[in-house]
Amino acid sequence: MHRLLSFLLKWGGILCVPGGVLWALTPTGVYISNLAFHTPNVFWKLFWPAPLLILLGLVGLQLRQSGRSGLLEKLGFFVAILGLVMVIAGDVGLYWLGVDDIFIVTAPAYNAFRLGLLVVAVGSILFGVTSPRDSAVPTWGLLPFVVGSLCGLISFSRDLGSFGAVLWILFGVGWAWLGLSLVVEGFSSFVRTRRATRGSVAVKQ
């Protein structure tokens, strides 16, 4: 059980890949929902797993490098987590619980969803920019992630039509890229370790 828990904590960041992919597919999902059901609400009911997977992946990534992270990086982590929780709560409250049907004037679920998008974008940028140089994710993984987070911030701040949809996609791609870079870096580290082990055994012989 301990080994399983250790493995999950070490590689939980991989969940950013499916979460980011699902997020990036949002415009396609909205289009299909409109085409098949004449409303985007069917898709938005199914949207919540995307931010949930990203949240779990981010937690796994932070646990992997918690000993090396600084104050600003931790702040970015908690801000991003808060934003993701708000997005999930807003989506579930709006499309599953019908909270805004009761509180029509204040629309708390919708406002939580919209504000959560901005919060997670800001937190993501801060997290990426302030991540330690010796973090679990290589620089080539962090840079596209930060750019994608910036695209998300622009997209979430106002309705930009088709251009905003492209920026929304890039935000999801940034998260998927972050998780993918973790996989590649982990595999490369594993290969290097195996080669070093074989080399030391050969020298001893």
Protein backbone atom coordinates (compact mmCIF):
# COMPACT_ATOMS: atom_id res chain seq x y z
CA MET A 1 0.00 0.00 0.00
CA HIS A 2 2.84 2.39 0.86
CA ARG A 3 4.55 1.73 -2.48
CA LEU A 4 1.28 2.28 -4.34
CA LEU A 5 0.67 5.57 -2.53
CA SER A 6 4.25 6.67 -3.22
CA PHE A 7 3.83 5.84 -6.92
CA LEU A 8 0.55 7.76 -7.16
CA LEU A 9 2.05 10.81 -5.47
CA LYS A 10 5.15 10.67 -7.66
CA TRP A 11 3.34 10.32 -10.96
CA GLY A 12 0.02 12.05 -10.22
CA GLY A 13 1.16 14.97 -12.36
CA ILE A 14 0.52 12.83 -15.44
CA LEU A 15 -3.20 13.51 -14.92
CA CYS A 16 -2.55 16.98 -16.34
CA VAL A 17 -2.36 15.32 -19.77
CA PRO A 18 -5.96 14.01 -20.00
CA GLY A 19 -7.23 17.05 -18.10
CA GLY A 20 -5.55 19.44 -20.51
CA VAL A 21 -6.74 17.48 -23.55
CA LEU A 22 -10.34 17.51 -22.33
CA TRP A 23 -10.07 21.24 -21.63
CA ALA A 24 -8.69 21.89 -25.12
CA LEU A 25 -11.60 19.97 -26.67
CA THR A 26 -14.14 22.35 -25.10
CA PRO A 27 -14.92 24.35 -28.30
CA THR A 28 -15.44 21.08 -30.20
CA GLY A 29 -17.67 19.75 -27.43
CA VAL A 30 -19.75 22.94 -27.40
CA TYR A 31 -20.13 22.76 -31.19
CA ILE A 32 -21.27 19.12 -31.10
CA SER A 33 -23.66 19.83 -28.22
CA ASN A 34 -25.21 22.74 -30.12
CA LEU A 35 -25.48 20.64 -33.28
CA ALA A 36 -26.98 17.56 -31.64
CA PHE A 37 -29.04 19.04 -28.80
CA HIS A 38 -29.43 22.70 -29.85
CA THR A 39 -27.87 23.80 -26.56
CA PRO A 40 -24.30 23.92 -25.19
CA ASN A 41 -25.53 22.92 -21.73
CA VAL A 42 -25.24 19.19 -22.46
CA PHE A 43 -21.51 19.58 -22.95
CA TRP A 44 -21.02 21.88 -19.97
CA LYS A 45 -22.64 19.23 -17.77
CA LEU A 46 -19.77 16.95 -18.74
CA PHE A 47 -17.02 19.56 -18.45
CA TRP A 48 -16.14 19.19 -14.76
CA PRO A 49 -13.78 16.17 -15.14
CA ALA A 50 -11.33 18.39 -17.08
CA PRO A 51 -10.58 20.82 -14.22
CA LEU A 52 -10.75 17.95 -11.72
CA LEU A 53 -8.04 15.99 -13.55
CA ILE A 54 -5.91 19.13 -13.83
CA LEU A 55 -6.38 19.76 -10.10
CA LEU A 56 -5.28 16.22 -9.19
CA GLY A 57 -2.36 16.45 -11.60
CA LEU A 58 -1.25 19.77 -10.13
CA VAL A 59 -1.38 18.33 -6.61
CA GLY A 60 0.73 15.38 -7.71
CA LEU A 61 3.23 17.67 -9.39
CA GLN A 62 3.51 19.92 -6.33
CA LEU A 63 4.02 16.95 -4.01
CA ARG A 64 6.79 15.74 -6.31
CA GLN A 65 8.75 18.99 -5.93
CA SER A 66 7.44 20.37 -2.63
CA GLY A 67 10.87 20.29 -0.99
CA ARG A 68 12.35 22.55 -3.68
CA SER A 69 9.52 25.04 -4.15
CA GLY A 70 9.68 28.61 -2.90
CA LEU A 71 7.04 30.84 -1.34
CA LEU A 72 5.79 32.38 -4.62
CA GLU A 73 5.59 29.00 -6.31
CA LYS A 74 3.54 27.63 -3.42
CA LEU A 75 1.33 30.72 -3.59
CA GLY A 76 0.77 30.13 -7.29
CA PHE A 77 -0.08 26.51 -6.55
CA PHE A 78 -2.73 27.39 -3.96
CA VAL A 79 -4.20 30.15 -6.15
CA ALA A 80 -4.48 27.73 -9.08
CA ILE A 81 -6.07 25.09 -6.84
CA LEU A 82 -8.58 27.65 -5.55
CA GLY A 83 -9.46 28.63 -9.11
CA LEU A 84 -9.94 25.02 -10.20
CA VAL A 85 -12.19 24.32 -7.20
CA MET A 86 -14.27 27.39 -8.07
CA VAL A 87 -14.57 26.25 -11.70
CA ILE A 88 -15.70 22.77 -10.65
CA ALA A 89 -18.12 24.12 -8.05
CA GLY A 90 -19.52 26.66 -10.50
CA ASP A 91 -19.99 24.08 -13.25
CA VAL A 92 -21.69 21.56 -10.96
CA GLY A 93 -23.78 24.23 -9.27
CA LEU A 94 -24.91 25.74 -12.56
CA TYR A 95 -25.57 22.67 -14.70
CA TRP A 96 -26.27 19.90 -12.18
CA LEU A 97 -27.73 21.54 -9.08
CA GLY A 98 -29.49 24.46 -10.76
CA VAL A 99 -28.30 26.91 -8.09
CA ASP A 100 -28.74 29.91 -10.38
CA ASP A 101 -32.36 28.93 -11.02
CA ILE A 102 -32.96 29.67 -7.35
CA PHE A 103 -30.70 32.70 -7.00
CA ILE A 104 -31.45 34.25 -10.37
CA VAL A 105 -30.27 37.77 -9.61
CA THR A 106 -26.93 36.96 -7.97
CA ALA A 107 -26.14 33.87 -10.14
CA PRO A 108 -23.51 32.56 -7.69
CA ALA A 109 -22.63 29.44 -9.68
CA TYR A 110 -22.00 31.31 -12.92
CA ASN A 111 -19.99 34.00 -11.17
CA ALA A 112 -17.93 31.38 -9.32
CA PHE A 113 -17.21 29.66 -12.64
CA ARG A 114 -16.16 32.85 -14.42
CA LEU A 115 -14.09 34.16 -11.52
CA GLY A 116 -12.53 30.73 -11.05
CA LEU A 117 -11.27 30.77 -14.64
CA LEU A 118 -9.41 34.03 -14.01
CA VAL A 119 -8.04 32.82 -10.69
CA VAL A 120 -6.71 29.54 -12.11
CA ALA A 121 -5.06 31.39 -15.00
CA VAL A 122 -3.29 33.82 -12.65
CA GLY A 123 -2.26 30.99 -10.35
CA SER A 124 -0.97 28.93 -13.26
CA ILE A 125 1.18 31.79 -14.53
CA LEU A 126 2.63 32.40 -11.06
CA PHE A 127 3.22 28.67 -10.54
CA GLY A 128 5.01 28.28 -13.87
CA VAL A 129 7.13 31.42 -13.65
CA THR A 130 8.34 30.80 -10.09
CA SER A 131 8.92 27.02 -10.33
CA PRO A 132 12.46 26.12 -9.21
CA ARG A 133 15.08 25.49 -11.88
CA ASP A 134 15.58 21.97 -10.55
CA SER A 135 11.83 21.28 -10.50
CA ALA A 136 10.25 18.00 -11.58
CA VAL A 137 9.29 19.64 -14.87
CA PRO A 138 12.02 20.73 -17.33
CA THR A 139 12.22 24.28 -18.67
CA TRP A 140 10.99 23.18 -22.09
CA GLY A 141 7.82 22.02 -20.35
CA LEU A 142 7.29 25.12 -18.22
CA LEU A 143 7.71 27.76 -20.93
CA PRO A 144 4.83 26.57 -23.19
CA PHE A 145 2.76 26.10 -20.02
CA VAL A 146 3.25 29.73 -19.00
CA VAL A 147 2.41 30.92 -22.53
CA GLY A 148 -0.72 28.76 -22.52
CA SER A 149 -1.74 30.12 -19.12
CA LEU A 150 -1.34 33.67 -20.41
CA CYS A 151 -3.54 32.78 -23.40
CA GLY A 152 -6.11 31.44 -20.96
CA LEU A 153 -6.07 34.64 -18.92
CA ILE A 154 -6.80 36.68 -22.06
CA SER A 155 -9.53 34.27 -23.16
CA PHE A 156 -11.22 34.19 -19.74
CA SER A 157 -11.20 37.96 -19.28
CA ARG A 158 -13.63 38.71 -22.11
CA ASP A 159 -15.56 37.17 -25.00
CA LEU A 160 -13.26 37.21 -28.03
CA GLY A 161 -15.29 34.91 -30.26
CA SER A 162 -13.30 32.44 -32.37
CA PHE A 163 -9.99 33.97 -31.29
CA GLY A 164 -10.97 33.45 -27.66
CA ALA A 165 -11.77 29.81 -28.44
CA VAL A 166 -8.26 29.35 -29.84
CA LEU A 167 -6.77 30.89 -26.69
CA TRP A 168 -8.98 28.60 -24.58
CA ILE A 169 -7.59 25.60 -26.49
CA LEU A 170 -4.01 26.78 -25.93
CA PHE A 171 -4.65 26.94 -22.19
CA GLY A 172 -5.62 23.27 -22.21
CA VAL A 173 -2.69 22.38 -24.47
CA GLY A 174 -0.36 24.09 -21.97
CA TRP A 175 -1.55 21.82 -19.17
CA ALA A 176 -1.31 18.72 -21.36
CA TRP A 177 2.21 19.73 -22.38
CA LEU A 178 3.17 20.21 -18.72
CA GLY A 179 2.07 16.67 -17.87
CA LEU A 180 3.69 15.23 -21.00
CA SER A 181 7.01 16.89 -20.19
CA LEU A 182 6.87 15.26 -16.76
CA VAL A 183 6.44 11.85 -18.42
CA VAL A 184 9.33 12.45 -20.83
CA GLU A 185 11.62 13.75 -18.10
CA GLY A 186 10.75 10.82 -15.84
CA PHE A 187 11.43 8.29 -18.61
CA SER A 188 14.73 9.97 -19.48
CA SER A 189 15.77 9.92 -15.83
CA PHE A 190 14.87 6.23 -15.63
CA VAL A 191 16.97 5.43 -18.72
CA ARG A 192 19.94 7.40 -17.37
CA THR A 193 19.70 5.59 -14.04
CA ARG A 194 19.59 2.19 -15.73
CA ARG A 195 22.63 3.01 -17.87
CA ALA A 196 24.55 4.28 -14.85
CA THR A 197 23.69 1.11 -12.92
CA ARG A 198 24.80 -1.13 -15.77
CA GLY A 199 28.01 0.88 -16.12
CA SER A 200 28.85 0.52 -12.43
CA VAL A 201 28.17 -3.24 -12.56
CA ALA A 202 30.42 -3.59 -15.62
CA VAL A 203 33.25 -1.72 -13.86
CA LYS A 204 32.99 -3.94 -10.78
CA GLN A 205 33.22 -7.05 -12.93
